[in-house]
Amino acid sequence: MDGDASSRPGGPSRCGGLRLGDRGKRRYAVDVSLRRKVRELRRLVPGGRQLPAEQLFLHTADYISRLKLQVQVLRALSKLYMP
C-alpha cells in the first residue's frame, strides 16, 4: 500500500474523482443538452433551421445585433412621440 491507484478506496476504475462510467454518462448528458439548445436556437433564429451549426452561431450574433439596433431605434422614436 504505497498509494498507487489499486490501494485507494476508489480503486483503479476512478479517474479525476469520477468513475469512468460516470464520465461517459456526464458527457452524454452534456451532448444531449447541447443538441437540445442548438435545436431551440435553430427554432428561434430566422433561417436557422437550414444552417449548419457554425453558420448558425454567426447568424445568431448578427441577429442579436440587429435586434439591439431595432430596440435602440424604437426607444429613440418613442422619445420623439411621447410627451
N, C-alpha and C. Protein backbone atom coordinates (compact mmCIF):
# COMPACT_ATOMS: atom_id res chain seq x y z
N MET A 1 0.84 -1.19 0.00
CA MET A 1 0.00 0.00 0.00
C MET A 1 0.88 1.23 0.00
N ASP A 2 1.40 1.55 -1.17
CA ASP A 2 2.27 2.71 -1.27
C ASP A 2 1.57 3.88 -1.95
N GLY A 3 0.23 3.87 -2.03
CA GLY A 3 -0.51 4.99 -2.57
C GLY A 3 -0.86 4.86 -4.04
N ASP A 4 -0.62 3.66 -4.63
CA ASP A 4 -0.98 3.54 -6.04
C ASP A 4 -2.51 3.45 -6.18
N ALA A 5 -3.00 3.48 -7.39
CA ALA A 5 -4.43 3.55 -7.66
C ALA A 5 -5.18 2.35 -7.09
N SER A 6 -4.55 1.17 -7.10
CA SER A 6 -5.26 -0.02 -6.63
C SER A 6 -5.40 -0.04 -5.13
N SER A 7 -4.65 0.79 -4.38
CA SER A 7 -4.76 0.78 -2.93
C SER A 7 -5.74 1.83 -2.43
N ARG A 8 -6.23 2.71 -3.30
CA ARG A 8 -7.19 3.73 -2.87
C ARG A 8 -8.58 3.12 -2.84
N PRO A 9 -9.48 3.70 -2.03
CA PRO A 9 -10.83 3.16 -1.92
C PRO A 9 -11.56 3.07 -3.25
N GLY A 10 -11.31 4.02 -4.15
CA GLY A 10 -11.99 4.00 -5.44
C GLY A 10 -11.43 2.97 -6.38
N GLY A 11 -10.21 2.51 -6.11
CA GLY A 11 -9.58 1.52 -6.97
C GLY A 11 -9.16 2.09 -8.30
N PRO A 12 -8.70 1.26 -9.18
CA PRO A 12 -8.17 1.73 -10.45
C PRO A 12 -9.23 2.22 -11.43
N SER A 13 -10.50 1.99 -11.13
CA SER A 13 -11.54 2.40 -12.07
C SER A 13 -11.96 3.85 -11.89
N ARG A 14 -11.26 4.60 -11.04
CA ARG A 14 -11.61 6.00 -10.83
C ARG A 14 -10.62 6.89 -11.57
N CYS A 15 -11.12 8.00 -12.07
CA CYS A 15 -10.28 8.93 -12.82
C CYS A 15 -10.75 10.34 -12.52
N GLY A 16 -9.95 11.13 -11.85
CA GLY A 16 -10.30 12.51 -11.58
C GLY A 16 -11.52 12.67 -10.70
N GLY A 17 -11.78 11.75 -9.80
CA GLY A 17 -12.91 11.87 -8.90
C GLY A 17 -14.20 11.28 -9.46
N LEU A 18 -14.23 10.94 -10.73
CA LEU A 18 -15.41 10.32 -11.32
C LEU A 18 -15.05 8.91 -11.76
N ARG A 19 -15.97 7.98 -11.56
CA ARG A 19 -15.76 6.66 -12.13
C ARG A 19 -15.81 6.80 -13.64
N LEU A 20 -15.11 5.97 -14.34
CA LEU A 20 -15.05 6.08 -15.79
C LEU A 20 -16.44 6.02 -16.42
N GLY A 21 -17.30 5.20 -15.89
CA GLY A 21 -18.67 5.12 -16.40
C GLY A 21 -19.43 6.42 -16.19
N ASP A 22 -19.17 7.11 -15.08
CA ASP A 22 -19.83 8.38 -14.79
C ASP A 22 -19.42 9.44 -15.80
N ARG A 23 -18.15 9.42 -16.22
CA ARG A 23 -17.70 10.41 -17.21
C ARG A 23 -18.46 10.23 -18.51
N GLY A 24 -18.68 9.00 -18.91
CA GLY A 24 -19.42 8.75 -20.14
C GLY A 24 -20.86 9.22 -20.04
N LYS A 25 -21.49 8.98 -18.89
CA LYS A 25 -22.86 9.43 -18.68
C LYS A 25 -22.93 10.95 -18.68
N ARG A 26 -21.94 11.57 -18.05
CA ARG A 26 -21.93 13.04 -17.98
C ARG A 26 -21.71 13.62 -19.38
N ARG A 27 -20.79 13.04 -20.13
CA ARG A 27 -20.53 13.51 -21.50
C ARG A 27 -21.79 13.36 -22.34
N TYR A 28 -22.49 12.25 -22.19
CA TYR A 28 -23.73 12.02 -22.93
C TYR A 28 -24.77 13.06 -22.55
N ALA A 29 -24.91 13.36 -21.25
CA ALA A 29 -25.88 14.35 -20.79
C ALA A 29 -25.55 15.73 -21.34
N VAL A 30 -24.27 16.09 -21.37
CA VAL A 30 -23.86 17.38 -21.92
C VAL A 30 -24.15 17.42 -23.41
N ASP A 31 -23.87 16.33 -24.11
CA ASP A 31 -24.12 16.25 -25.55
C ASP A 31 -25.60 16.42 -25.85
N VAL A 32 -26.44 15.74 -25.10
CA VAL A 32 -27.89 15.84 -25.29
C VAL A 32 -28.36 17.26 -24.99
N SER A 33 -27.86 17.84 -23.92
CA SER A 33 -28.23 19.21 -23.55
C SER A 33 -27.80 20.20 -24.63
N LEU A 34 -26.60 20.03 -25.15
CA LEU A 34 -26.10 20.93 -26.20
C LEU A 34 -26.94 20.80 -27.47
N ARG A 35 -27.25 19.57 -27.85
CA ARG A 35 -28.08 19.37 -29.05
C ARG A 35 -29.45 20.00 -28.88
N ARG A 36 -30.01 19.89 -27.68
CA ARG A 36 -31.33 20.48 -27.41
C ARG A 36 -31.26 22.00 -27.53
N LYS A 37 -30.19 22.59 -27.00
CA LYS A 37 -30.04 24.05 -27.07
C LYS A 37 -29.84 24.53 -28.50
N VAL A 38 -29.06 23.80 -29.28
CA VAL A 38 -28.85 24.18 -30.69
C VAL A 38 -30.17 24.05 -31.45
N ARG A 39 -30.94 23.01 -31.18
CA ARG A 39 -32.24 22.84 -31.83
C ARG A 39 -33.17 24.00 -31.49
N GLU A 40 -33.18 24.44 -30.25
CA GLU A 40 -34.00 25.58 -29.83
C GLU A 40 -33.52 26.86 -30.49
N LEU A 41 -32.21 27.03 -30.60
CA LEU A 41 -31.65 28.21 -31.26
C LEU A 41 -32.06 28.22 -32.73
N ARG A 42 -32.02 27.07 -33.38
CA ARG A 42 -32.45 26.98 -34.78
C ARG A 42 -33.91 27.43 -34.93
N ARG A 43 -34.72 27.11 -33.95
CA ARG A 43 -36.13 27.47 -33.99
C ARG A 43 -36.32 28.97 -33.79
N LEU A 44 -35.50 29.59 -32.94
CA LEU A 44 -35.67 31.00 -32.60
C LEU A 44 -35.12 31.96 -33.64
N VAL A 45 -34.05 31.58 -34.31
CA VAL A 45 -33.38 32.48 -35.25
C VAL A 45 -33.96 32.28 -36.64
N PRO A 46 -34.45 33.35 -37.26
CA PRO A 46 -35.00 33.22 -38.62
C PRO A 46 -33.96 32.65 -39.58
N GLY A 47 -34.35 31.64 -40.32
CA GLY A 47 -33.45 30.99 -41.27
C GLY A 47 -32.49 30.01 -40.63
N GLY A 48 -32.58 29.82 -39.33
CA GLY A 48 -31.64 28.97 -38.61
C GLY A 48 -31.79 27.49 -38.87
N ARG A 49 -32.96 27.07 -39.29
CA ARG A 49 -33.20 25.64 -39.49
C ARG A 49 -32.36 25.07 -40.63
N GLN A 50 -32.02 25.91 -41.60
CA GLN A 50 -31.28 25.41 -42.76
C GLN A 50 -29.77 25.54 -42.61
N LEU A 51 -29.30 26.17 -41.55
CA LEU A 51 -27.87 26.46 -41.42
C LEU A 51 -27.12 25.39 -40.64
N PRO A 52 -25.87 25.10 -41.04
CA PRO A 52 -25.02 24.26 -40.20
C PRO A 52 -24.68 25.02 -38.91
N ALA A 53 -24.27 24.31 -37.89
CA ALA A 53 -24.07 24.90 -36.56
C ALA A 53 -23.12 26.09 -36.59
N GLU A 54 -22.00 26.00 -37.32
CA GLU A 54 -21.03 27.10 -37.33
C GLU A 54 -21.66 28.37 -37.88
N GLN A 55 -22.39 28.24 -38.98
CA GLN A 55 -23.05 29.40 -39.57
C GLN A 55 -24.21 29.87 -38.70
N LEU A 56 -24.86 28.94 -38.01
CA LEU A 56 -25.95 29.30 -37.12
C LEU A 56 -25.46 30.26 -36.04
N PHE A 57 -24.30 29.98 -35.46
CA PHE A 57 -23.77 30.84 -34.40
C PHE A 57 -23.43 32.23 -34.93
N LEU A 58 -22.84 32.30 -36.12
CA LEU A 58 -22.54 33.61 -36.72
C LEU A 58 -23.82 34.36 -37.05
N HIS A 59 -24.78 33.65 -37.61
CA HIS A 59 -26.06 34.26 -37.96
C HIS A 59 -26.77 34.75 -36.70
N THR A 60 -26.68 33.98 -35.62
CA THR A 60 -27.29 34.37 -34.35
C THR A 60 -26.68 35.66 -33.83
N ALA A 61 -25.36 35.78 -33.91
CA ALA A 61 -24.69 37.01 -33.45
C ALA A 61 -25.17 38.20 -34.27
N ASP A 62 -25.29 38.04 -35.58
CA ASP A 62 -25.80 39.12 -36.42
C ASP A 62 -27.25 39.46 -36.06
N TYR A 63 -28.04 38.44 -35.82
CA TYR A 63 -29.45 38.64 -35.48
C TYR A 63 -29.59 39.40 -34.16
N ILE A 64 -28.78 39.06 -33.19
CA ILE A 64 -28.81 39.76 -31.90
C ILE A 64 -28.43 41.22 -32.10
N SER A 65 -27.42 41.48 -32.92
CA SER A 65 -27.00 42.87 -33.20
C SER A 65 -28.14 43.65 -33.84
N ARG A 66 -28.83 43.02 -34.79
CA ARG A 66 -29.96 43.70 -35.44
C ARG A 66 -31.10 43.96 -34.47
N LEU A 67 -31.36 43.02 -33.58
CA LEU A 67 -32.41 43.22 -32.58
C LEU A 67 -32.06 44.37 -31.64
N LYS A 68 -30.80 44.44 -31.22
CA LYS A 68 -30.37 45.54 -30.36
C LYS A 68 -30.55 46.88 -31.06
N LEU A 69 -30.20 46.94 -32.34
CA LEU A 69 -30.36 48.16 -33.12
C LEU A 69 -31.83 48.54 -33.22
N GLN A 70 -32.69 47.57 -33.45
CA GLN A 70 -34.13 47.84 -33.52
C GLN A 70 -34.65 48.41 -32.21
N VAL A 71 -34.19 47.87 -31.10
CA VAL A 71 -34.60 48.38 -29.79
C VAL A 71 -34.15 49.83 -29.62
N GLN A 72 -32.92 50.13 -30.01
CA GLN A 72 -32.42 51.50 -29.91
C GLN A 72 -33.25 52.45 -30.76
N VAL A 73 -33.58 52.05 -31.98
CA VAL A 73 -34.39 52.89 -32.87
C VAL A 73 -35.78 53.11 -32.28
N LEU A 74 -36.39 52.05 -31.79
CA LEU A 74 -37.73 52.18 -31.21
C LEU A 74 -37.72 53.06 -29.97
N ARG A 75 -36.68 52.95 -29.15
CA ARG A 75 -36.58 53.83 -27.97
C ARG A 75 -36.45 55.29 -28.40
N ALA A 76 -35.63 55.53 -29.41
CA ALA A 76 -35.45 56.90 -29.90
C ALA A 76 -36.76 57.44 -30.47
N LEU A 77 -37.48 56.62 -31.23
CA LEU A 77 -38.76 57.05 -31.79
C LEU A 77 -39.79 57.31 -30.69
N SER A 78 -39.79 56.47 -29.68
CA SER A 78 -40.77 56.67 -28.60
C SER A 78 -40.49 57.96 -27.85
N LYS A 79 -39.23 58.36 -27.73
CA LYS A 79 -38.90 59.63 -27.08
C LYS A 79 -39.39 60.81 -27.91
N LEU A 80 -39.37 60.67 -29.24
CA LEU A 80 -39.85 61.74 -30.11
C LEU A 80 -41.35 61.93 -30.01
N TYR A 81 -42.08 60.84 -29.88
CA TYR A 81 -43.53 60.91 -29.92
C TYR A 81 -44.21 60.92 -28.56
N MET A 82 -43.47 60.66 -27.52
CA MET A 82 -44.05 60.67 -26.17
C MET A 82 -43.79 62.04 -25.55
N PRO A 83 -44.84 62.66 -24.98
CA PRO A 83 -44.64 63.99 -24.35
C PRO A 83 -43.81 63.92 -23.09
